[in-house]
N, C-alpha and C. Protein backbone atom coordinates (compact mmCIF):
# COMPACT_ATOMS: atom_id res chain seq x y z
N MET A 1 0.90 -1.21 0.04
CA MET A 1 0.13 -0.08 -0.03
C MET A 1 0.88 1.17 0.04
N SER A 2 1.77 1.32 1.00
CA SER A 2 2.67 2.48 0.93
C SER A 2 3.52 2.69 -0.35
N ASN A 3 4.03 1.49 -0.87
CA ASN A 3 4.70 1.57 -1.96
C ASN A 3 3.90 2.12 -3.32
N GLU A 4 2.71 1.78 -3.39
CA GLU A 4 1.87 2.25 -4.37
C GLU A 4 1.45 3.90 -4.45
N VAL A 5 1.35 4.24 -3.05
CA VAL A 5 1.15 5.66 -2.92
C VAL A 5 2.45 6.45 -3.25
N SER A 6 3.52 5.96 -2.70
CA SER A 6 4.84 6.61 -3.11
C SER A 6 5.20 6.66 -4.66
N THR A 7 4.80 5.50 -5.31
CA THR A 7 4.89 5.30 -6.70
C THR A 7 3.92 6.48 -7.52
N ALA A 8 2.68 6.65 -7.00
CA ALA A 8 1.74 7.40 -7.39
C ALA A 8 2.21 8.92 -7.26
N LEU A 9 2.71 9.29 -6.19
CA LEU A 9 3.29 10.73 -5.96
C LEU A 9 4.38 10.88 -6.84
N GLN A 10 5.35 10.04 -7.04
CA GLN A 10 6.39 10.22 -7.76
C GLN A 10 5.97 10.53 -9.29
N THR A 11 4.93 9.69 -9.69
CA THR A 11 4.40 9.89 -11.11
C THR A 11 3.74 11.27 -11.22
N VAL A 12 3.11 11.56 -10.43
CA VAL A 12 2.41 13.08 -10.42
C VAL A 12 3.49 14.06 -10.38
N GLY A 13 4.63 13.96 -9.66
CA GLY A 13 5.60 14.99 -9.55
C GLY A 13 6.25 15.09 -10.72
N THR A 14 6.57 13.89 -11.32
CA THR A 14 7.42 13.92 -12.60
C THR A 14 6.44 14.52 -13.64
N THR A 15 5.11 14.19 -13.75
CA THR A 15 4.34 14.84 -14.79
C THR A 15 4.29 16.34 -14.73
N LEU A 16 4.18 16.80 -13.43
CA LEU A 16 3.93 18.23 -13.26
C LEU A 16 5.37 18.89 -13.47
N ASN A 17 6.58 18.30 -13.25
CA ASN A 17 7.84 19.01 -13.56
C ASN A 17 7.94 18.96 -15.22
N GLU A 18 7.44 18.09 -15.67
CA GLU A 18 7.57 17.91 -17.25
C GLU A 18 6.58 18.89 -18.02
N ALA A 19 5.55 19.15 -17.44
CA ALA A 19 4.47 20.15 -18.02
C ALA A 19 4.72 21.54 -17.67
N ILE A 20 5.16 22.04 -16.51
CA ILE A 20 5.30 23.26 -16.15
C ILE A 20 6.79 23.56 -15.81
N SER A 21 7.33 24.51 -16.63
CA SER A 21 8.77 24.91 -16.36
C SER A 21 8.62 26.34 -15.47
N PRO A 22 9.84 26.66 -14.98
CA PRO A 22 9.91 27.89 -14.27
C PRO A 22 9.74 28.91 -15.13
N GLY A 23 10.01 28.78 -16.42
CA GLY A 23 9.68 29.95 -17.40
C GLY A 23 8.36 30.25 -17.62
N ASP A 24 7.41 29.12 -17.38
CA ASP A 24 5.89 29.31 -17.50
C ASP A 24 5.33 30.05 -16.20
N ILE A 25 6.07 29.54 -15.18
CA ILE A 25 5.57 30.21 -13.79
C ILE A 25 5.97 31.79 -13.83
N ALA A 26 7.09 32.11 -14.47
CA ALA A 26 7.62 33.56 -14.46
C ALA A 26 6.62 34.29 -15.53
N THR A 27 6.18 33.67 -16.55
CA THR A 27 5.31 34.40 -17.47
C THR A 27 4.07 34.77 -16.72
N ILE A 28 3.41 33.57 -16.14
CA ILE A 28 2.11 33.83 -15.58
C ILE A 28 2.11 34.91 -14.41
N ILE A 29 3.14 34.87 -13.64
CA ILE A 29 3.38 36.04 -12.55
C ILE A 29 3.35 37.16 -13.16
N GLY A 30 4.28 37.41 -14.32
CA GLY A 30 4.46 38.53 -15.01
C GLY A 30 3.13 39.12 -15.50
N VAL A 31 2.31 38.41 -16.16
CA VAL A 31 1.15 38.67 -16.82
C VAL A 31 0.05 39.19 -15.65
N VAL A 32 -0.01 38.53 -14.60
CA VAL A 32 -0.73 38.88 -13.50
C VAL A 32 -0.41 40.25 -12.91
N LEU A 33 0.81 40.45 -12.66
CA LEU A 33 1.41 41.62 -12.13
C LEU A 33 1.09 42.77 -13.17
N ALA A 34 1.29 42.61 -14.53
CA ALA A 34 1.01 43.73 -15.32
C ALA A 34 -0.45 43.86 -15.47
N GLY A 35 -1.38 42.84 -15.55
CA GLY A 35 -2.66 43.15 -15.61
C GLY A 35 -3.15 43.96 -14.17
N GLY A 36 -2.67 43.57 -13.15
CA GLY A 36 -3.02 44.28 -11.79
C GLY A 36 -2.63 45.72 -11.82
N ILE A 37 -1.46 45.93 -12.25
CA ILE A 37 -1.05 47.34 -12.37
C ILE A 37 -1.85 48.20 -13.35
N ALA A 38 -2.18 47.58 -14.63
CA ALA A 38 -2.86 48.31 -15.58
C ALA A 38 -4.38 48.49 -14.82
N LEU A 39 -5.02 47.63 -14.25
CA LEU A 39 -6.28 47.89 -13.70
C LEU A 39 -6.22 48.84 -12.65
N TYR A 40 -5.16 48.98 -11.71
CA TYR A 40 -4.79 49.98 -10.69
C TYR A 40 -4.66 51.39 -11.24
N LEU A 41 -3.97 51.37 -12.38
CA LEU A 41 -3.85 52.94 -13.06
C LEU A 41 -5.01 53.23 -13.73
N THR A 42 -5.81 52.35 -14.31
CA THR A 42 -6.93 52.69 -14.94
C THR A 42 -7.99 53.15 -13.91
N TRP A 43 -8.05 52.47 -12.83
CA TRP A 43 -9.05 53.04 -11.68
C TRP A 43 -8.65 54.49 -11.30
N PHE A 44 -7.39 54.84 -11.04
CA PHE A 44 -7.15 56.04 -10.65
C PHE A 44 -7.33 57.16 -11.91
N GLY A 45 -7.06 56.61 -13.10
CA GLY A 45 -7.54 57.54 -14.22
C GLY A 45 -8.98 57.95 -14.35
N ILE A 46 -9.69 56.80 -14.16
CA ILE A 46 -11.16 57.01 -14.27
C ILE A 46 -11.73 57.93 -13.18
N ARG A 47 -11.12 57.82 -11.98
CA ARG A 47 -11.42 58.59 -10.79
C ARG A 47 -11.10 59.98 -11.11
N LYS A 48 -9.87 60.26 -11.61
CA LYS A 48 -9.62 61.67 -12.00
C LYS A 48 -10.43 62.26 -12.97
N LEU A 49 -10.74 61.33 -13.95
CA LEU A 49 -11.54 62.00 -15.11
C LEU A 49 -12.98 62.48 -14.46
N ILE A 50 -13.56 61.53 -13.65
CA ILE A 50 -14.83 61.85 -12.97
C ILE A 50 -14.67 63.17 -12.29
N SER A 51 -13.69 63.37 -11.53
CA SER A 51 -13.43 64.47 -10.75
C SER A 51 -13.34 65.82 -11.44
N VAL A 52 -12.68 65.71 -12.63
CA VAL A 52 -12.44 66.76 -13.61
C VAL A 52 -13.77 67.05 -14.15
N VAL A 53 -14.55 66.32 -14.64
CA VAL A 53 -15.90 66.49 -15.25
C VAL A 53 -16.85 67.05 -14.15
N LYS A 54 -16.89 66.52 -12.96
CA LYS A 54 -17.83 67.12 -11.92
C LYS A 54 -17.32 68.71 -11.70
N ASN A 55 -16.22 68.78 -11.43
CA ASN A 55 -15.67 70.19 -11.32
C ASN A 55 -15.93 71.08 -12.39
N ALA A 56 -15.89 70.69 -13.52
CA ALA A 56 -16.05 71.43 -14.73
C ALA A 56 -17.57 71.72 -14.73
N MET A 57 -18.34 70.99 -14.38
CA MET A 57 -19.94 71.12 -14.42
C MET A 57 -20.03 72.24 -13.32
N LYS A 58 -19.37 72.13 -12.30
CA LYS A 58 -19.63 73.41 -11.24
C LYS A 58 -19.02 74.61 -11.46
N GLY A 59 -18.22 74.59 -12.48
CA GLY A 59 -17.33 75.94 -12.92
C GLY A 59 -16.10 76.25 -12.27
N ARG A 60 -15.56 74.99 -11.75
CA ARG A 60 -14.16 75.06 -11.11
C ARG A 60 -13.32 74.20 -11.81
N LEU A 61 -12.44 74.71 -12.50
CA LEU A 61 -11.57 73.88 -13.45
C LEU A 61 -10.15 73.73 -12.69
N LYS A 62 -9.78 72.57 -12.52
CA LYS A 62 -8.47 72.38 -11.80
C LYS A 62 -7.68 71.41 -12.87
N VAL A 63 -6.35 71.60 -12.75
CA VAL A 63 -5.54 70.76 -13.62
C VAL A 63 -4.80 69.49 -12.70
């Protein structure tokens, strides 16, 4: 029983090592970080745009 579990775990580990490389992991992390930064900056840009439009409607223009 213990030998079967050990063999199964080794097979899974070998399969994962062959399927996923460190380069793949680095690529995924980079894409997630880039997407997060883009969403963060977009959020601030939209807030700034809304603020500028609201102030322009009130007659107060700021840069």
